[in-house]
Amino acid sequence: MNNNVSEIYVFIFTGILLFGILAGFIIFFVVTYYKKQQQNSREKQLLQTKFNEDLLTSTIEIQEKAFDDISRELHDNVGQQLSAATIYLNLLMQEAGQEQNSKLQTCREIISNSLQDIRHISQTLLGDKITQTGFIASLRLELSRINKLGLCRATLHTIEEPLLLDPRKEIILFRIVQEAISNATKHAPGSDIHISIKKHEEQLKITIKDTGNGFNTAQLEKSGIGLINMESRAKTIGATYQLTSVINQGTEIGIVL
């Protein structure tokens, strides 16, 4: 009888032991599988992030190449033709009478102003020129052109110390601000544009605000190329991008690097 009881205990103990080993094996298998799945998911996410970053970088490089080509085309061809037209007008003014001279003078001023605008546009399109001139100086040039054309009333409030930015980041930041200004002049013509540049410890904060009509951001479609460009460019340099707009109160864009 005692032997039978002992055998039963041994049998039960062995069963429990085997069950524990099997349960442990199952748990080990599930945990290992789960960790493997997590690792695969992280690797996939990293690859996707890397792909998106490379795609954004390539897109921006293509855009910058296009800007450079347009800049040189404006400077070398359109600029030279306008310069030649000014020379011919000067010759005509020497031969024309007083009445014609007045009209030719007006024509020459229009061409001269157009030539100056083209030179300004050419400089702000050329990435190398932006880094040579500097972010703030290039921005002042852009705002001067906007104010001169009467598209909007633009003001800049900035720090006096140099920003000491990486050249690539400097160009991308300038393009974001340039796009924001372009949107304001297009959708809020005649409004005031206030641009603020501040530094706090290791952070650079840029704010572009206009006093236009604003819009409902909840109904904003993500098809706006300008808005997508600004957000995409901000991502490539690790900057945060925030857009806020209130109807009848204007729009504000904030970039923190």
C-alpha atoms as a PDB file:
ATOM      1  CA  MET A   1       0.000   0.000   0.000  1.00  0.00           C
ATOM      2  CA  ASN A   2       2.808   2.370   0.920  1.00  0.00           C
ATOM      3  CA  ASN A   3       4.616   1.516  -2.291  1.00  0.00           C
ATOM      4  CA  ASN A   4       1.495   2.335  -4.277  1.00  0.00           C
ATOM      5  CA  VAL A   5       1.156   5.700  -2.522  1.00  0.00           C
ATOM      6  CA  SER A   6       4.819   6.442  -3.117  1.00  0.00           C
ATOM      7  CA  GLU A   7       4.423   5.556  -6.778  1.00  0.00           C
ATOM      8  CA  ILE A   8       1.399   7.848  -7.017  1.00  0.00           C
ATOM      9  CA  TYR A   9       3.374  10.719  -5.440  1.00  0.00           C
ATOM     10  CA  VAL A  10       6.275  10.099  -7.778  1.00  0.00           C
ATOM     11  CA  PHE A  11       3.893   9.995 -10.713  1.00  0.00           C
ATOM     12  CA  ILE A  12       2.205  13.232  -9.645  1.00  0.00           C
ATOM     13  CA  PHE A  13       5.547  14.938  -8.983  1.00  0.00           C
ATOM     14  CA  THR A  14       6.889  13.786 -12.349  1.00  0.00           C
ATOM     15  CA  GLY A  15       3.743  15.006 -14.070  1.00  0.00           C
ATOM     16  CA  ILE A  16       3.962  18.375 -12.378  1.00  0.00           C
ATOM     17  CA  LEU A  17       7.653  18.615 -13.258  1.00  0.00           C
ATOM     18  CA  LEU A  18       7.013  17.726 -16.890  1.00  0.00           C
ATOM     19  CA  PHE A  19       4.094  20.156 -17.023  1.00  0.00           C
ATOM     20  CA  GLY A  20       6.301  22.895 -15.521  1.00  0.00           C
ATOM     21  CA  ILE A  21       9.054  22.173 -18.062  1.00  0.00           C
ATOM     22  CA  LEU A  22       6.538  22.221 -20.912  1.00  0.00           C
ATOM     23  CA  ALA A  23       4.944  25.430 -19.610  1.00  0.00           C
ATOM     24  CA  GLY A  24       8.381  26.994 -19.230  1.00  0.00           C
ATOM     25  CA  PHE A  25       9.289  25.971 -22.768  1.00  0.00           C
ATOM     26  CA  ILE A  26       6.053  27.475 -24.099  1.00  0.00           C
ATOM     27  CA  ILE A  27       6.600  30.702 -22.165  1.00  0.00           C
ATOM     28  CA  PHE A  28      10.207  30.865 -23.360  1.00  0.00           C
ATOM     29  CA  PHE A  29       9.072  30.294 -26.943  1.00  0.00           C
ATOM     30  CA  VAL A  30       6.340  32.950 -26.710  1.00  0.00           C
ATOM     31  CA  VAL A  31       8.670  35.524 -25.098  1.00  0.00           C
ATOM     32  CA  THR A  32      11.424  34.825 -27.646  1.00  0.00           C
ATOM     33  CA  TYR A  33       8.934  35.080 -30.509  1.00  0.00           C
ATOM     34  CA  TYR A  34       7.503  38.314 -29.093  1.00  0.00           C
ATOM     35  CA  LYS A  35      10.985  39.833 -28.689  1.00  0.00           C
ATOM     36  CA  LYS A  36      11.864  38.783 -32.226  1.00  0.00           C
ATOM     37  CA  GLN A  37       8.679  40.379 -33.516  1.00  0.00           C
ATOM     38  CA  GLN A  38       9.481  43.579 -31.622  1.00  0.00           C
ATOM     39  CA  GLN A  39      13.022  43.602 -32.991  1.00  0.00           C
ATOM     40  CA  ASN A  40      11.756  43.053 -36.534  1.00  0.00           C
ATOM     41  CA  SER A  41       9.212  45.811 -36.049  1.00  0.00           C
ATOM     42  CA  ARG A  42      11.899  48.219 -34.755  1.00  0.00           C
ATOM     43  CA  GLU A  43      14.225  47.347 -37.628  1.00  0.00           C
ATOM     44  CA  LYS A  44      11.409  47.843 -40.119  1.00  0.00           C
ATOM     45  CA  GLN A  45      10.538  51.188 -38.526  1.00  0.00           C
ATOM     46  CA  LEU A  46      14.192  52.287 -38.595  1.00  0.00           C
ATOM     47  CA  LEU A  47      14.480  51.290 -42.251  1.00  0.00           C
ATOM     48  CA  GLN A  48      11.263  53.173 -43.056  1.00  0.00           C
ATOM     49  CA  THR A  49      12.493  56.243 -41.145  1.00  0.00           C
ATOM     50  CA  LYS A  50      15.853  56.086 -42.915  1.00  0.00           C
ATOM     51  CA  PHE A  51      14.100  55.724 -46.274  1.00  0.00           C
ATOM     52  CA  ASN A  52      11.846  58.718 -45.540  1.00  0.00           C
ATOM     53  CA  GLU A  53      14.838  60.815 -44.437  1.00  0.00           C
ATOM     54  CA  ASP A  54      16.817  59.868 -47.546  1.00  0.00           C
ATOM     55  CA  LEU A  55      13.795  60.614 -49.730  1.00  0.00           C
ATOM     56  CA  LEU A  56      13.283  64.027 -48.109  1.00  0.00           C
ATOM     57  CA  THR A  57      16.984  64.826 -48.418  1.00  0.00           C
ATOM     58  CA  SER A  58      17.002  63.825 -52.101  1.00  0.00           C
ATOM     59  CA  THR A  59      13.872  65.867 -52.778  1.00  0.00           C
ATOM     60  CA  ILE A  60      15.383  68.948 -51.146  1.00  0.00           C
ATOM     61  CA  GLU A  61      18.659  68.476 -53.034  1.00  0.00           C
ATOM     62  CA  ILE A  62      16.708  68.298 -56.308  1.00  0.00           C
ATOM     63  CA  GLN A  63      14.766  71.439 -55.374  1.00  0.00           C
ATOM     64  CA  GLU A  64      17.976  73.275 -54.459  1.00  0.00           C
ATOM     65  CA  LYS A  65      19.526  72.235 -57.790  1.00  0.00           C
ATOM     66  CA  ALA A  66      16.460  73.624 -59.570  1.00  0.00           C
ATOM     67  CA  PHE A  67      16.730  76.875 -57.575  1.00  0.00           C
ATOM     68  CA  ASP A  68      20.412  77.170 -58.496  1.00  0.00           C
ATOM     69  CA  ASP A  69      19.633  76.626 -62.193  1.00  0.00           C
ATOM     70  CA  ILE A  70      16.838  79.229 -62.141  1.00  0.00           C
ATOM     71  CA  SER A  71      19.095  81.673 -60.291  1.00  0.00           C
ATOM     72  CA  ARG A  72      21.858  81.385 -62.868  1.00  0.00           C
ATOM     73  CA  GLU A  73      19.351  81.611 -65.728  1.00  0.00           C
ATOM     74  CA  LEU A  74      17.921  84.827 -64.287  1.00  0.00           C
ATOM     75  CA  HIS A  75      21.367  86.307 -63.661  1.00  0.00           C
ATOM     76  CA  ASP A  76      23.103  85.238 -66.872  1.00  0.00           C
ATOM     77  CA  ASN A  77      20.307  85.556 -69.428  1.00  0.00           C
ATOM     78  CA  VAL A  78      17.391  87.690 -68.237  1.00  0.00           C
ATOM     79  CA  GLY A  79      19.663  90.039 -66.280  1.00  0.00           C
ATOM     80  CA  GLN A  80      22.019  90.554 -69.210  1.00  0.00           C
ATOM     81  CA  GLN A  81      19.142  91.216 -71.614  1.00  0.00           C
ATOM     82  CA  LEU A  82      17.686  93.842 -69.289  1.00  0.00           C
ATOM     83  CA  SER A  83      21.136  95.414 -68.915  1.00  0.00           C
ATOM     84  CA  ALA A  84      21.422  95.552 -72.714  1.00  0.00           C
ATOM     85  CA  ALA A  85      17.955  97.132 -72.948  1.00  0.00           C
ATOM     86  CA  THR A  86      19.066  99.838 -70.477  1.00  0.00           C
ATOM     87  CA  ILE A  87      22.128 100.619 -72.631  1.00  0.00           C
ATOM     88  CA  TYR A  88      19.986 100.963 -75.777  1.00  0.00           C
ATOM     89  CA  LEU A  89      17.558 103.213 -73.911  1.00  0.00           C
ATOM     90  CA  ASN A  90      20.447 105.453 -72.856  1.00  0.00           C
ATOM     91  CA  LEU A  91      21.498 105.752 -76.514  1.00  0.00           C
ATOM     92  CA  LEU A  92      17.941 106.552 -77.568  1.00  0.00           C
ATOM     93  CA  MET A  93      17.670 109.221 -74.866  1.00  0.00           C
ATOM     94  CA  GLN A  94      20.707 110.991 -76.319  1.00  0.00           C
ATOM     95  CA  GLU A  95      19.001 111.217 -79.712  1.00  0.00           C
ATOM     96  CA  ALA A  96      15.386 111.779 -78.626  1.00  0.00           C
ATOM     97  CA  GLY A  97      13.630 115.023 -77.947  1.00  0.00           C
ATOM     98  CA  GLN A  98      12.477 116.360 -74.578  1.00  0.00           C
ATOM     99  CA  GLU A  99       9.008 114.782 -74.752  1.00  0.00           C
ATOM    100  CA  GLN A 100      10.307 111.360 -75.789  1.00  0.00           C
ATOM    101  CA  ASN A 101      13.099 111.631 -73.232  1.00  0.00           C
ATOM    102  CA  SER A 102      10.610 111.781 -70.388  1.00  0.00           C
ATOM    103  CA  LYS A 103       8.880 108.592 -71.540  1.00  0.00           C
ATOM    104  CA  LEU A 104      12.188 106.837 -72.142  1.00  0.00           C
ATOM    105  CA  GLN A 105      13.362 107.858 -68.676  1.00  0.00           C
ATOM    106  CA  THR A 106      10.265 106.253 -67.134  1.00  0.00           C
ATOM    107  CA  CYS A 107      10.866 103.128 -69.208  1.00  0.00           C
ATOM    108  CA  ARG A 108      14.500 103.006 -68.099  1.00  0.00           C
ATOM    109  CA  GLU A 109      13.509 103.272 -64.431  1.00  0.00           C
ATOM    110  CA  ILE A 110      11.049 100.393 -64.811  1.00  0.00           C
ATOM    111  CA  ILE A 111      13.713  98.224 -66.434  1.00  0.00           C
ATOM    112  CA  SER A 112      16.272  99.246 -63.824  1.00  0.00           C
ATOM    113  CA  ASN A 113      13.905  98.331 -60.983  1.00  0.00           C
ATOM    114  CA  SER A 114      13.090  95.017 -62.658  1.00  0.00           C
ATOM    115  CA  LEU A 115      16.792  94.286 -63.064  1.00  0.00           C
ATOM    116  CA  GLN A 116      17.397  94.994 -59.375  1.00  0.00           C
ATOM    117  CA  ASP A 117      14.486  92.738 -58.363  1.00  0.00           C
ATOM    118  CA  ILE A 118      15.813  89.936 -60.561  1.00  0.00           C
ATOM    119  CA  ARG A 119      19.237  90.250 -58.943  1.00  0.00           C
ATOM    120  CA  HIS A 120      17.645  90.055 -55.492  1.00  0.00           C
ATOM    121  CA  ILE A 121      15.573  87.009 -56.466  1.00  0.00           C
ATOM    122  CA  SER A 122      18.622  85.402 -58.044  1.00  0.00           C
ATOM    123  CA  GLN A 123      20.605  85.837 -54.824  1.00  0.00           C
ATOM    124  CA  THR A 124      17.873  84.363 -52.605  1.00  0.00           C
ATOM    125  CA  LEU A 125      17.453  81.371 -54.931  1.00  0.00           C
ATOM    126  CA  LEU A 126      21.153  80.506 -54.957  1.00  0.00           C
ATOM    127  CA  GLY A 127      21.973  78.343 -51.925  1.00  0.00           C
ATOM    128  CA  ASP A 128      25.689  79.194 -51.916  1.00  0.00           C
ATOM    129  CA  LYS A 129      24.867  82.893 -51.937  1.00  0.00           C
ATOM    130  CA  ILE A 130      22.661  82.481 -48.857  1.00  0.00           C
ATOM    131  CA  THR A 131      25.465  80.861 -46.862  1.00  0.00           C
ATOM    132  CA  GLN A 132      27.949  83.495 -48.044  1.00  0.00           C
ATOM    133  CA  THR A 133      25.634  86.403 -47.234  1.00  0.00           C
ATOM    134  CA  GLY A 134      24.293  84.840 -44.045  1.00  0.00           C
ATOM    135  CA  PHE A 135      20.805  83.793 -42.986  1.00  0.00           C
ATOM    136  CA  ILE A 136      19.714  87.084 -41.415  1.00  0.00           C
ATOM    137  CA  ALA A 137      21.273  89.294 -44.113  1.00  0.00           C
ATOM    138  CA  SER A 138      19.595  87.205 -46.837  1.00  0.00           C
ATOM    139  CA  LEU A 139      16.305  87.457 -44.973  1.00  0.00           C
ATOM    140  CA  ARG A 140      16.616  91.246 -44.739  1.00  0.00           C
ATOM    141  CA  LEU A 141      17.199  91.332 -48.498  1.00  0.00           C
ATOM    142  CA  GLU A 142      14.097  89.237 -49.118  1.00  0.00           C
ATOM    143  CA  LEU A 143      11.927  91.430 -46.872  1.00  0.00           C
ATOM    144  CA  SER A 144      13.306  94.570 -48.516  1.00  0.00           C
ATOM    145  CA  ARG A 145      12.155  93.233 -51.880  1.00  0.00           C
ATOM    146  CA  ILE A 146       8.697  92.380 -50.515  1.00  0.00           C
ATOM    147  CA  ASN A 147       8.288  95.863 -48.986  1.00  0.00           C
ATOM    148  CA  LYS A 148       9.552  97.541 -52.131  1.00  0.00           C
ATOM    149  CA  LEU A 149       7.002  95.725 -54.277  1.00  0.00           C
ATOM    150  CA  GLY A 150       4.252  96.699 -51.825  1.00  0.00           C
ATOM    151  CA  LEU A 151       2.998  93.114 -51.537  1.00  0.00           C
ATOM    152  CA  CYS A 152       2.949  93.244 -47.717  1.00  0.00           C
ATOM    153  CA  ARG A 153       4.480  95.216 -44.865  1.00  0.00           C
ATOM    154  CA  ALA A 154       7.227  92.996 -43.494  1.00  0.00           C
ATOM    155  CA  THR A 155       9.288  93.551 -40.345  1.00  0.00           C
ATOM    156  CA  LEU A 156      12.095  91.537 -38.770  1.00  0.00           C
ATOM    157  CA  HIS A 157      12.974  91.353 -35.084  1.00  0.00           C
ATOM    158  CA  THR A 158      16.145  89.395 -34.508  1.00  0.00           C
ATOM    159  CA  ILE A 159      19.184  88.927 -32.327  1.00  0.00           C
ATOM    160  CA  GLU A 160      22.404  90.698 -33.214  1.00  0.00           C
ATOM    161  CA  GLU A 161      24.732  87.804 -32.436  1.00  0.00           C
ATOM    162  CA  PRO A 162      25.678  85.431 -35.277  1.00  0.00           C
ATOM    163  CA  LEU A 163      23.585  82.265 -35.495  1.00  0.00           C
ATOM    164  CA  LEU A 164      26.561  80.003 -36.286  1.00  0.00           C
ATOM    165  CA  LEU A 165      24.393  77.511 -38.148  1.00  0.00           C
ATOM    166  CA  ASP A 166      25.425  74.532 -40.217  1.00  0.00           C
ATOM    167  CA  PRO A 167      25.338  75.763 -43.872  1.00  0.00           C
ATOM    168  CA  ARG A 168      22.831  73.092 -44.930  1.00  0.00           C
ATOM    169  CA  LYS A 169      20.515  73.918 -42.018  1.00  0.00           C
ATOM    170  CA  GLU A 170      20.908  77.621 -42.770  1.00  0.00           C
ATOM    171  CA  ILE A 171      19.699  77.146 -46.346  1.00  0.00           C
ATOM    172  CA  ILE A 172      16.791  74.928 -45.301  1.00  0.00           C
ATOM    173  CA  LEU A 173      15.654  77.367 -42.595  1.00  0.00           C
ATOM    174  CA  PHE A 174      15.792  80.205 -45.095  1.00  0.00           C
ATOM    175  CA  ARG A 175      13.687  78.201 -47.566  1.00  0.00           C
ATOM    176  CA  ILE A 176      11.058  77.558 -44.879  1.00  0.00           C
ATOM    177  CA  VAL A 177      10.814  81.264 -44.031  1.00  0.00           C
ATOM    178  CA  GLN A 178      10.857  82.147 -47.740  1.00  0.00           C
ATOM    179  CA  GLU A 179       7.946  79.763 -48.359  1.00  0.00           C
ATOM    180  CA  ALA A 180       6.014  81.205 -45.404  1.00  0.00           C
ATOM    181  CA  ILE A 181       6.507  84.742 -46.732  1.00  0.00           C
ATOM    182  CA  SER A 182       5.434  83.641 -50.198  1.00  0.00           C
ATOM    183  CA  ASN A 183       2.251  82.091 -48.791  1.00  0.00           C
ATOM    184  CA  ALA A 184       1.467  85.261 -46.835  1.00  0.00           C
ATOM    185  CA  THR A 185       1.911  87.538 -49.859  1.00  0.00           C
ATOM    186  CA  LYS A 186      -0.219  85.182 -51.948  1.00  0.00           C
ATOM    187  CA  HIS A 187      -3.090  84.488 -49.534  1.00  0.00           C
ATOM    188  CA  ALA A 188      -2.919  87.585 -47.335  1.00  0.00           C
ATOM    189  CA  PRO A 189      -1.849  90.420 -49.676  1.00  0.00           C
ATOM    190  CA  GLY A 190      -1.504  93.808 -48.047  1.00  0.00           C
ATOM    191  CA  SER A 191      -1.226  92.343 -44.551  1.00  0.00           C
ATOM    192  CA  ASP A 192       1.574  92.822 -42.032  1.00  0.00           C
ATOM    193  CA  ILE A 193       4.203  90.096 -41.727  1.00  0.00           C
ATOM    194  CA  HIS A 194       6.166  89.941 -38.483  1.00  0.00           C
ATOM    195  CA  ILE A 195       9.212  87.680 -38.304  1.00  0.00           C
ATOM    196  CA  SER A 196      10.923  87.013 -34.994  1.00  0.00           C
ATOM    197  CA  ILE A 197      14.216  85.173 -34.440  1.00  0.00           C
ATOM    198  CA  LYS A 198      15.224  84.297 -30.885  1.00  0.00           C
ATOM    199  CA  LYS A 199      17.885  82.144 -29.244  1.00  0.00           C
ATOM    200  CA  HIS A 200      17.510  80.456 -25.869  1.00  0.00           C
ATOM    201  CA  GLU A 201      20.426  78.305 -24.747  1.00  0.00           C
ATOM    202  CA  GLU A 202      20.748  75.657 -27.494  1.00  0.00           C
ATOM    203  CA  GLN A 203      17.419  76.448 -29.157  1.00  0.00           C
ATOM    204  CA  LEU A 204      16.708  78.722 -32.111  1.00  0.00           C
ATOM    205  CA  LYS A 205      13.090  79.821 -32.471  1.00  0.00           C
ATOM    206  CA  ILE A 206      11.724  81.445 -35.626  1.00  0.00           C
ATOM    207  CA  THR A 207       8.179  82.807 -35.768  1.00  0.00           C
ATOM    208  CA  ILE A 208       6.446  84.085 -38.928  1.00  0.00           C
ATOM    209  CA  LYS A 209       3.106  85.746 -38.309  1.00  0.00           C
ATOM    210  CA  ASP A 210       0.769  87.576 -40.684  1.00  0.00           C
ATOM    211  CA  THR A 211      -2.353  89.644 -40.033  1.00  0.00           C
ATOM    212  CA  GLY A 212      -4.331  88.141 -42.910  1.00  0.00           C
ATOM    213  CA  ASN A 213      -7.744  86.482 -42.926  1.00  0.00           C
ATOM    214  CA  GLY A 214      -6.502  83.170 -41.524  1.00  0.00           C
ATOM    215  CA  PHE A 215      -8.219  79.845 -42.159  1.00  0.00           C
ATOM    216  CA  ASN A 216      -9.694  76.815 -40.409  1.00  0.00           C
ATOM    217  CA  THR A 217      -6.798  74.397 -39.839  1.00  0.00           C
ATOM    218  CA  ALA A 218      -9.241  71.571 -39.044  1.00  0.00           C
ATOM    219  CA  GLN A 219     -10.419  71.686 -42.652  1.00  0.00           C
ATOM    220  CA  LEU A 220      -6.927  72.064 -44.051  1.00  0.00           C
ATOM    221  CA  GLU A 221      -6.144  69.554 -46.781  1.00  0.00           C
ATOM    222  CA  LYS A 222      -2.649  68.128 -46.819  1.00  0.00           C
ATOM    223  CA  SER A 223      -2.399  68.830 -50.546  1.00  0.00           C
ATOM    224  CA  GLY A 224      -0.855  72.267 -50.112  1.00  0.00           C
ATOM    225  CA  ILE A 225       2.624  71.897 -51.599  1.00  0.00           C
ATOM    226  CA  GLY A 226       3.973  74.938 -49.749  1.00  0.00           C
ATOM    227  CA  LEU A 227       2.846  73.694 -46.339  1.00  0.00           C
ATOM    228  CA  ILE A 228       4.124  70.182 -47.042  1.00  0.00           C
ATOM    229  CA  ASN A 229       7.471  71.608 -48.157  1.00  0.00           C
ATOM    230  CA  MET A 230       7.893  73.621 -44.971  1.00  0.00           C
ATOM    231  CA  GLU A 231       7.055  70.691 -42.695  1.00  0.00           C
ATOM    232  CA  SER A 232       9.232  68.279 -44.694  1.00  0.00           C
ATOM    233  CA  ARG A 233      12.202  70.627 -44.677  1.00  0.00           C
ATOM    234  CA  ALA A 234      11.876  71.118 -40.919  1.00  0.00           C
ATOM    235  CA  LYS A 235      11.963  67.348 -40.385  1.00  0.00           C
ATOM    236  CA  THR A 236      15.198  66.925 -42.342  1.00  0.00           C
ATOM    237  CA  ILE A 237      17.111  69.140 -39.890  1.00  0.00           C
ATOM    238  CA  GLY A 238      15.393  67.853 -36.759  1.00  0.00           C
ATOM    239  CA  ALA A 239      13.342  71.009 -36.218  1.00  0.00           C
ATOM    240  CA  THR A 240       9.768  71.148 -34.943  1.00  0.00           C
ATOM    241  CA  TYR A 241       7.178  72.848 -37.136  1.00  0.00           C
ATOM    242  CA  GLN A 242       3.878  74.235 -35.889  1.00  0.00           C
ATOM    243  CA  LEU A 243       1.125  75.965 -37.824  1.00  0.00           C
ATOM    244  CA  THR A 244      -1.698  77.866 -36.119  1.00  0.00           C
ATOM    245  CA  SER A 245      -4.335  79.995 -37.802  1.00  0.00           C
ATOM    246  CA  VAL A 246      -7.480  81.753 -36.644  1.00  0.00           C
ATOM    247  CA  ILE A 247     -10.095  83.139 -39.021  1.00  0.00           C
ATOM    248  CA  ASN A 248      -9.924  86.955 -39.204  1.00  0.00           C
ATOM    249  CA  GLN A 249      -6.843  86.938 -36.937  1.00  0.00           C
ATOM    250  CA  GLY A 250      -4.093  85.690 -39.208  1.00  0.00           C
ATOM    251  CA  THR A 251      -1.659  82.799 -39.372  1.00  0.00           C
ATOM    252  CA  GLU A 252       1.449  81.946 -37.373  1.00  0.00           C
ATOM    253  CA  ILE A 253       4.218  79.474 -38.174  1.00  0.00           C
ATOM    254  CA  GLY A 254       6.743  78.458 -35.553  1.00  0.00           C
ATOM    255  CA  ILE A 255      10.021  76.609 -36.132  1.00  0.00           C
ATOM    256  CA  VAL A 256      12.233  75.457 -33.267  1.00  0.00           C
ATOM    257  CA  LEU A 257      15.698  74.076 -34.008  1.00  0.00           C
END
